[in-house]
Amino acid sequence: MSNSVGFGTAGLGHLTHEAVTSALEQGFRSFDTAEADMWYDQKTVGKAFAAYFDPVIDSCQNMVEDDEAFCSTICRSQNLAVSTKIPPWELSSFENIRSRAKSSREELVGFCDDGNYPLDV
């Protein structure tokens, strides 16, 4: 996780997409979320990330060779840092923890070309 001020996504409800997009537009690149559906909406946070970075990804379709490194690491080049928490009641086994972390990664940063983009769990 970067050493910057992060944007918390708890309790945003129906304003989640708009709030996350606004935070991205204002320069936030560090975000905190969790898998607790009653407070967080990870799926919408991930959709907001993907929609915001979509023009950057689209521009990479017409990239020149010099831009290849940048375009293959969109999330890293944008310094995106995402922290999520797995609810304590889901910490029942290593397999379950891995499964939940994989699901969170896909929901939040699945659009990244960076392979297994790091996610702070």
N, C-alpha and C. Protein backbone atom coordinates (compact mmCIF):
# COMPACT_ATOMS: atom_id res chain seq x y z
N MET A 1 0.84 -1.17 0.00
CA MET A 1 0.00 0.00 0.00
C MET A 1 0.89 1.25 0.00
N SER A 2 0.50 2.23 -0.73
CA SER A 2 1.32 3.44 -0.81
C SER A 2 1.19 4.28 0.46
N ASN A 3 2.10 5.20 0.63
CA ASN A 3 2.09 6.07 1.80
C ASN A 3 1.33 7.35 1.50
N SER A 4 0.13 7.23 1.01
CA SER A 4 -0.69 8.39 0.69
C SER A 4 -2.00 8.32 1.46
N VAL A 5 -2.72 9.41 1.43
CA VAL A 5 -4.03 9.44 2.07
C VAL A 5 -4.96 8.56 1.25
N GLY A 6 -5.66 7.67 1.91
CA GLY A 6 -6.56 6.76 1.22
C GLY A 6 -8.00 7.21 1.29
N PHE A 7 -8.79 6.68 0.39
CA PHE A 7 -10.22 6.97 0.33
C PHE A 7 -10.98 5.75 0.83
N GLY A 8 -11.75 5.90 1.88
CA GLY A 8 -12.55 4.82 2.43
C GLY A 8 -13.87 4.69 1.71
N THR A 9 -14.30 3.47 1.48
CA THR A 9 -15.53 3.25 0.72
C THR A 9 -16.68 2.73 1.57
N ALA A 10 -16.56 2.79 2.88
CA ALA A 10 -17.62 2.29 3.76
C ALA A 10 -18.82 3.22 3.75
N GLY A 11 -20.00 2.63 3.74
CA GLY A 11 -21.24 3.37 3.92
C GLY A 11 -21.61 4.31 2.79
N LEU A 12 -21.10 4.11 1.59
CA LEU A 12 -21.41 5.01 0.48
C LEU A 12 -22.74 4.66 -0.20
N GLY A 13 -23.20 3.44 0.00
CA GLY A 13 -24.50 3.02 -0.54
C GLY A 13 -24.62 3.25 -2.03
N HIS A 14 -25.74 3.82 -2.44
CA HIS A 14 -26.01 4.03 -3.87
C HIS A 14 -25.10 5.08 -4.50
N LEU A 15 -24.32 5.78 -3.69
CA LEU A 15 -23.40 6.79 -4.22
C LEU A 15 -21.98 6.25 -4.43
N THR A 16 -21.80 4.95 -4.25
CA THR A 16 -20.46 4.36 -4.32
C THR A 16 -19.75 4.67 -5.63
N HIS A 17 -20.37 4.38 -6.76
CA HIS A 17 -19.72 4.59 -8.07
C HIS A 17 -19.35 6.05 -8.25
N GLU A 18 -20.28 6.93 -7.97
CA GLU A 18 -20.04 8.37 -8.14
C GLU A 18 -18.93 8.86 -7.20
N ALA A 19 -18.96 8.40 -5.95
CA ALA A 19 -17.96 8.85 -4.98
C ALA A 19 -16.56 8.35 -5.33
N VAL A 20 -16.45 7.08 -5.73
CA VAL A 20 -15.14 6.52 -6.10
C VAL A 20 -14.62 7.21 -7.35
N THR A 21 -15.48 7.44 -8.34
CA THR A 21 -15.07 8.15 -9.55
C THR A 21 -14.58 9.55 -9.22
N SER A 22 -15.30 10.25 -8.36
CA SER A 22 -14.90 11.59 -7.95
C SER A 22 -13.54 11.56 -7.23
N ALA A 23 -13.36 10.56 -6.37
CA ALA A 23 -12.08 10.44 -5.67
C ALA A 23 -10.93 10.21 -6.66
N LEU A 24 -11.16 9.37 -7.65
CA LEU A 24 -10.14 9.13 -8.68
C LEU A 24 -9.84 10.42 -9.44
N GLU A 25 -10.89 11.15 -9.80
CA GLU A 25 -10.71 12.42 -10.52
C GLU A 25 -9.93 13.44 -9.70
N GLN A 26 -10.06 13.37 -8.38
CA GLN A 26 -9.35 14.30 -7.51
C GLN A 26 -7.93 13.83 -7.18
N GLY A 27 -7.55 12.67 -7.72
CA GLY A 27 -6.18 12.20 -7.56
C GLY A 27 -5.97 11.08 -6.57
N PHE A 28 -7.02 10.63 -5.90
CA PHE A 28 -6.85 9.50 -4.98
C PHE A 28 -6.46 8.26 -5.77
N ARG A 29 -5.51 7.51 -5.23
CA ARG A 29 -5.11 6.25 -5.85
C ARG A 29 -5.01 5.14 -4.81
N SER A 30 -5.29 5.46 -3.57
CA SER A 30 -5.27 4.50 -2.48
C SER A 30 -6.69 4.37 -1.94
N PHE A 31 -7.22 3.13 -1.93
CA PHE A 31 -8.60 2.90 -1.53
C PHE A 31 -8.70 1.78 -0.52
N ASP A 32 -9.65 1.92 0.40
CA ASP A 32 -9.90 0.92 1.42
C ASP A 32 -11.32 0.41 1.25
N THR A 33 -11.47 -0.90 1.21
CA THR A 33 -12.78 -1.52 1.11
C THR A 33 -12.76 -2.83 1.89
N ALA A 34 -13.87 -3.55 1.86
CA ALA A 34 -13.95 -4.83 2.57
C ALA A 34 -15.06 -5.67 1.95
N GLU A 35 -15.10 -6.94 2.36
CA GLU A 35 -16.11 -7.87 1.86
C GLU A 35 -17.34 -7.91 2.75
N ALA A 36 -17.60 -6.89 3.50
CA ALA A 36 -18.77 -6.86 4.37
C ALA A 36 -19.89 -6.13 3.64
N ASP A 37 -20.78 -6.88 3.02
CA ASP A 37 -21.81 -6.31 2.14
C ASP A 37 -22.67 -5.25 2.79
N MET A 38 -22.86 -5.34 4.09
CA MET A 38 -23.73 -4.36 4.75
C MET A 38 -23.11 -2.96 4.81
N TRP A 39 -21.78 -2.85 4.61
CA TRP A 39 -21.12 -1.55 4.66
C TRP A 39 -20.40 -1.18 3.37
N TYR A 40 -20.00 -2.19 2.61
CA TYR A 40 -19.16 -1.96 1.43
C TYR A 40 -19.80 -2.58 0.19
N ASP A 41 -19.46 -2.03 -0.95
CA ASP A 41 -19.93 -2.56 -2.23
C ASP A 41 -18.72 -2.70 -3.15
N GLN A 42 -17.95 -3.77 -2.92
CA GLN A 42 -16.71 -3.99 -3.68
C GLN A 42 -16.96 -4.07 -5.18
N LYS A 43 -18.05 -4.70 -5.58
CA LYS A 43 -18.34 -4.86 -7.00
C LYS A 43 -18.47 -3.50 -7.67
N THR A 44 -19.18 -2.57 -7.03
CA THR A 44 -19.34 -1.23 -7.60
C THR A 44 -18.03 -0.44 -7.56
N VAL A 45 -17.24 -0.62 -6.52
CA VAL A 45 -15.92 0.02 -6.46
C VAL A 45 -15.08 -0.45 -7.65
N GLY A 46 -15.07 -1.75 -7.90
CA GLY A 46 -14.33 -2.29 -9.03
C GLY A 46 -14.83 -1.77 -10.37
N LYS A 47 -16.16 -1.65 -10.51
CA LYS A 47 -16.73 -1.11 -11.75
C LYS A 47 -16.33 0.35 -11.94
N ALA A 48 -16.27 1.11 -10.86
CA ALA A 48 -15.84 2.51 -10.95
C ALA A 48 -14.37 2.60 -11.37
N PHE A 49 -13.52 1.73 -10.80
CA PHE A 49 -12.10 1.69 -11.21
C PHE A 49 -12.00 1.40 -12.71
N ALA A 50 -12.67 0.34 -13.14
CA ALA A 50 -12.58 -0.09 -14.54
C ALA A 50 -13.08 1.00 -15.48
N ALA A 51 -14.19 1.64 -15.14
CA ALA A 51 -14.74 2.70 -15.99
C ALA A 51 -13.78 3.90 -16.05
N TYR A 52 -13.18 4.24 -14.92
CA TYR A 52 -12.27 5.38 -14.88
C TYR A 52 -11.03 5.12 -15.73
N PHE A 53 -10.46 3.93 -15.60
CA PHE A 53 -9.23 3.61 -16.31
C PHE A 53 -9.47 3.10 -17.73
N ASP A 54 -10.72 2.89 -18.12
CA ASP A 54 -11.04 2.37 -19.44
C ASP A 54 -10.45 3.22 -20.57
N PRO A 55 -10.52 4.56 -20.51
CA PRO A 55 -9.91 5.35 -21.60
C PRO A 55 -8.40 5.13 -21.71
N VAL A 56 -7.73 4.92 -20.59
CA VAL A 56 -6.29 4.65 -20.62
C VAL A 56 -6.06 3.30 -21.27
N ILE A 57 -6.87 2.32 -20.90
CA ILE A 57 -6.75 0.99 -21.48
C ILE A 57 -7.05 1.04 -22.98
N ASP A 58 -8.11 1.78 -23.35
CA ASP A 58 -8.46 1.92 -24.77
C ASP A 58 -7.33 2.54 -25.57
N SER A 59 -6.68 3.55 -25.00
CA SER A 59 -5.59 4.21 -25.73
C SER A 59 -4.43 3.26 -25.96
N CYS A 60 -4.33 2.24 -25.14
CA CYS A 60 -3.25 1.26 -25.30
C CYS A 60 -3.50 0.33 -26.49
N GLN A 61 -4.73 0.30 -26.99
CA GLN A 61 -5.01 -0.51 -28.17
C GLN A 61 -4.23 0.00 -29.37
N ASN A 62 -3.94 1.29 -29.39
CA ASN A 62 -3.20 1.92 -30.49
C ASN A 62 -1.80 2.32 -30.06
N MET A 63 -1.23 1.59 -29.13
CA MET A 63 0.05 1.97 -28.55
C MET A 63 1.20 1.81 -29.54
N VAL A 64 2.21 2.59 -29.26
CA VAL A 64 3.47 2.43 -29.97
C VAL A 64 4.39 1.61 -29.08
N GLU A 65 5.43 1.09 -29.61
CA GLU A 65 6.30 0.18 -28.87
C GLU A 65 6.81 0.78 -27.56
N ASP A 66 7.10 2.08 -27.54
CA ASP A 66 7.61 2.72 -26.33
C ASP A 66 6.60 2.69 -25.19
N ASP A 67 5.32 2.62 -25.53
CA ASP A 67 4.27 2.63 -24.51
C ASP A 67 3.93 1.24 -24.00
N GLU A 68 4.54 0.21 -24.57
CA GLU A 68 4.16 -1.15 -24.23
C GLU A 68 4.31 -1.44 -22.74
N ALA A 69 5.42 -1.03 -22.14
CA ALA A 69 5.63 -1.28 -20.71
C ALA A 69 4.56 -0.58 -19.87
N PHE A 70 4.24 0.66 -20.23
CA PHE A 70 3.20 1.40 -19.51
C PHE A 70 1.86 0.70 -19.63
N CYS A 71 1.52 0.29 -20.83
CA CYS A 71 0.21 -0.29 -21.08
C CYS A 71 0.06 -1.68 -20.50
N SER A 72 1.14 -2.38 -20.29
CA SER A 72 1.03 -3.72 -19.71
C SER A 72 0.97 -3.68 -18.19
N THR A 73 1.10 -2.48 -17.64
CA THR A 73 1.05 -2.34 -16.17
C THR A 73 0.17 -1.13 -15.81
N ILE A 74 -1.02 -1.06 -16.35
CA ILE A 74 -1.92 0.08 -16.13
C ILE A 74 -2.06 0.42 -14.65
N CYS A 75 -2.42 -0.56 -13.85
CA CYS A 75 -2.68 -0.27 -12.43
C CYS A 75 -1.42 0.17 -11.70
N ARG A 76 -0.30 -0.47 -12.00
CA ARG A 76 0.96 -0.06 -11.37
C ARG A 76 1.36 1.34 -11.82
N SER A 77 1.22 1.61 -13.11
CA SER A 77 1.64 2.92 -13.62
C SER A 77 0.75 4.04 -13.07
N GLN A 78 -0.46 3.71 -12.69
CA GLN A 78 -1.38 4.70 -12.11
C GLN A 78 -1.27 4.73 -10.59
N ASN A 79 -0.39 3.91 -10.03
CA ASN A 79 -0.17 3.84 -8.57
C ASN A 79 -1.44 3.47 -7.80
N LEU A 80 -2.28 2.64 -8.39
CA LEU A 80 -3.50 2.22 -7.72
C LEU A 80 -3.15 1.26 -6.59
N ALA A 81 -3.65 1.55 -5.40
CA ALA A 81 -3.43 0.70 -4.23
C ALA A 81 -4.79 0.43 -3.60
N VAL A 82 -5.11 -0.84 -3.43
CA VAL A 82 -6.42 -1.21 -2.90
C VAL A 82 -6.22 -2.16 -1.72
N SER A 83 -6.90 -1.85 -0.64
CA SER A 83 -6.88 -2.69 0.55
C SER A 83 -8.28 -3.21 0.79
N THR A 84 -8.40 -4.49 1.04
CA THR A 84 -9.69 -5.08 1.36
C THR A 84 -9.56 -5.95 2.61
N LYS A 85 -10.65 -6.19 3.24
CA LYS A 85 -10.65 -7.02 4.44
C LYS A 85 -11.63 -8.18 4.24
N ILE A 86 -11.19 -9.36 4.60
CA ILE A 86 -12.06 -10.53 4.59
C ILE A 86 -12.72 -10.59 5.96
N PRO A 87 -14.05 -10.76 6.01
CA PRO A 87 -14.73 -10.81 7.31
C PRO A 87 -14.19 -11.94 8.18
N PRO A 88 -14.09 -11.72 9.48
CA PRO A 88 -13.53 -12.74 10.38
C PRO A 88 -14.24 -14.09 10.26
N TRP A 89 -15.54 -14.08 10.03
CA TRP A 89 -16.28 -15.34 9.94
C TRP A 89 -15.94 -16.14 8.68
N GLU A 90 -15.19 -15.53 7.76
CA GLU A 90 -14.76 -16.21 6.55
C GLU A 90 -13.32 -16.73 6.65
N LEU A 91 -12.67 -16.53 7.78
CA LEU A 91 -11.28 -16.94 7.96
C LEU A 91 -11.20 -18.37 8.50
N SER A 92 -12.00 -19.25 7.92
CA SER A 92 -12.14 -20.61 8.44
C SER A 92 -11.08 -21.58 7.96
N SER A 93 -10.44 -21.31 6.82
CA SER A 93 -9.40 -22.19 6.30
C SER A 93 -8.55 -21.41 5.30
N PHE A 94 -7.35 -21.96 5.03
CA PHE A 94 -6.48 -21.32 4.04
C PHE A 94 -7.15 -21.30 2.67
N GLU A 95 -7.83 -22.39 2.34
CA GLU A 95 -8.51 -22.47 1.04
C GLU A 95 -9.57 -21.39 0.92
N ASN A 96 -10.34 -21.17 1.97
CA ASN A 96 -11.39 -20.16 1.95
C ASN A 96 -10.79 -18.75 1.87
N ILE A 97 -9.72 -18.52 2.59
CA ILE A 97 -9.05 -17.21 2.55
C ILE A 97 -8.53 -16.95 1.14
N ARG A 98 -7.88 -17.94 0.53
CA ARG A 98 -7.38 -17.79 -0.85
C ARG A 98 -8.53 -17.53 -1.82
N SER A 99 -9.61 -18.25 -1.65
CA SER A 99 -10.77 -18.09 -2.53
C SER A 99 -11.38 -16.69 -2.39
N ARG A 100 -11.52 -16.23 -1.16
CA ARG A 100 -12.08 -14.89 -0.93
C ARG A 100 -11.16 -13.81 -1.48
N ALA A 101 -9.85 -13.97 -1.29
CA ALA A 101 -8.88 -12.99 -1.80
C ALA A 101 -8.93 -12.96 -3.33
N LYS A 102 -9.02 -14.13 -3.96
CA LYS A 102 -9.10 -14.20 -5.43
C LYS A 102 -10.37 -13.52 -5.92
N SER A 103 -11.47 -13.75 -5.25
CA SER A 103 -12.74 -13.13 -5.63
C SER A 103 -12.67 -11.61 -5.50
N SER A 104 -12.09 -11.12 -4.40
CA SER A 104 -11.94 -9.68 -4.21
C SER A 104 -11.05 -9.09 -5.29
N ARG A 105 -9.94 -9.76 -5.60
CA ARG A 105 -9.03 -9.27 -6.63
C ARG A 105 -9.76 -9.14 -7.97
N GLU A 106 -10.55 -10.16 -8.32
CA GLU A 106 -11.28 -10.12 -9.59
C GLU A 106 -12.31 -9.00 -9.61
N GLU A 107 -13.01 -8.81 -8.49
CA GLU A 107 -14.03 -7.74 -8.42
C GLU A 107 -13.42 -6.35 -8.47
N LEU A 108 -12.31 -6.17 -7.78
CA LEU A 108 -11.74 -4.83 -7.62
C LEU A 108 -10.76 -4.45 -8.72
N VAL A 109 -9.86 -5.33 -9.08
CA VAL A 109 -8.81 -4.97 -10.03
C VAL A 109 -8.66 -6.00 -11.15
N GLY A 110 -9.73 -6.71 -11.45
CA GLY A 110 -9.69 -7.71 -12.51
C GLY A 110 -9.42 -7.13 -13.88
N PHE A 111 -9.66 -5.85 -14.06
CA PHE A 111 -9.43 -5.19 -15.35
C PHE A 111 -7.95 -4.90 -15.60
N CYS A 112 -7.14 -4.99 -14.57
CA CYS A 112 -5.71 -4.69 -14.70
C CYS A 112 -5.02 -5.72 -15.58
N ASP A 113 -4.11 -5.26 -16.41
CA ASP A 113 -3.33 -6.16 -17.25
C ASP A 113 -2.12 -6.71 -16.51
N ASP A 114 -2.00 -6.38 -15.27
CA ASP A 114 -0.80 -6.66 -14.52
C ASP A 114 -0.74 -8.10 -14.00
N GLY A 115 -1.52 -9.01 -14.55
CA GLY A 115 -1.54 -10.38 -14.05
C GLY A 115 -2.20 -10.40 -12.69
N ASN A 116 -1.53 -10.93 -11.72
CA ASN A 116 -2.06 -10.96 -10.36
C ASN A 116 -1.69 -9.67 -9.65
N TYR A 117 -2.36 -8.58 -10.02
CA TYR A 117 -2.10 -7.29 -9.42
C TYR A 117 -2.22 -7.40 -7.90
N PRO A 118 -1.26 -6.87 -7.16
CA PRO A 118 -1.31 -7.02 -5.71
C PRO A 118 -2.51 -6.32 -5.08
N LEU A 119 -3.07 -7.00 -4.13
CA LEU A 119 -4.21 -6.50 -3.38
C LEU A 119 -3.88 -6.71 -1.92
N ASP A 120 -3.95 -5.68 -1.13
CA ASP A 120 -3.66 -5.79 0.30
C ASP A 120 -4.88 -6.40 0.99
N VAL A 121 -4.73 -7.65 1.42
CA VAL A 121 -5.86 -8.34 2.08
C VAL A 121 -5.57 -8.49 3.54
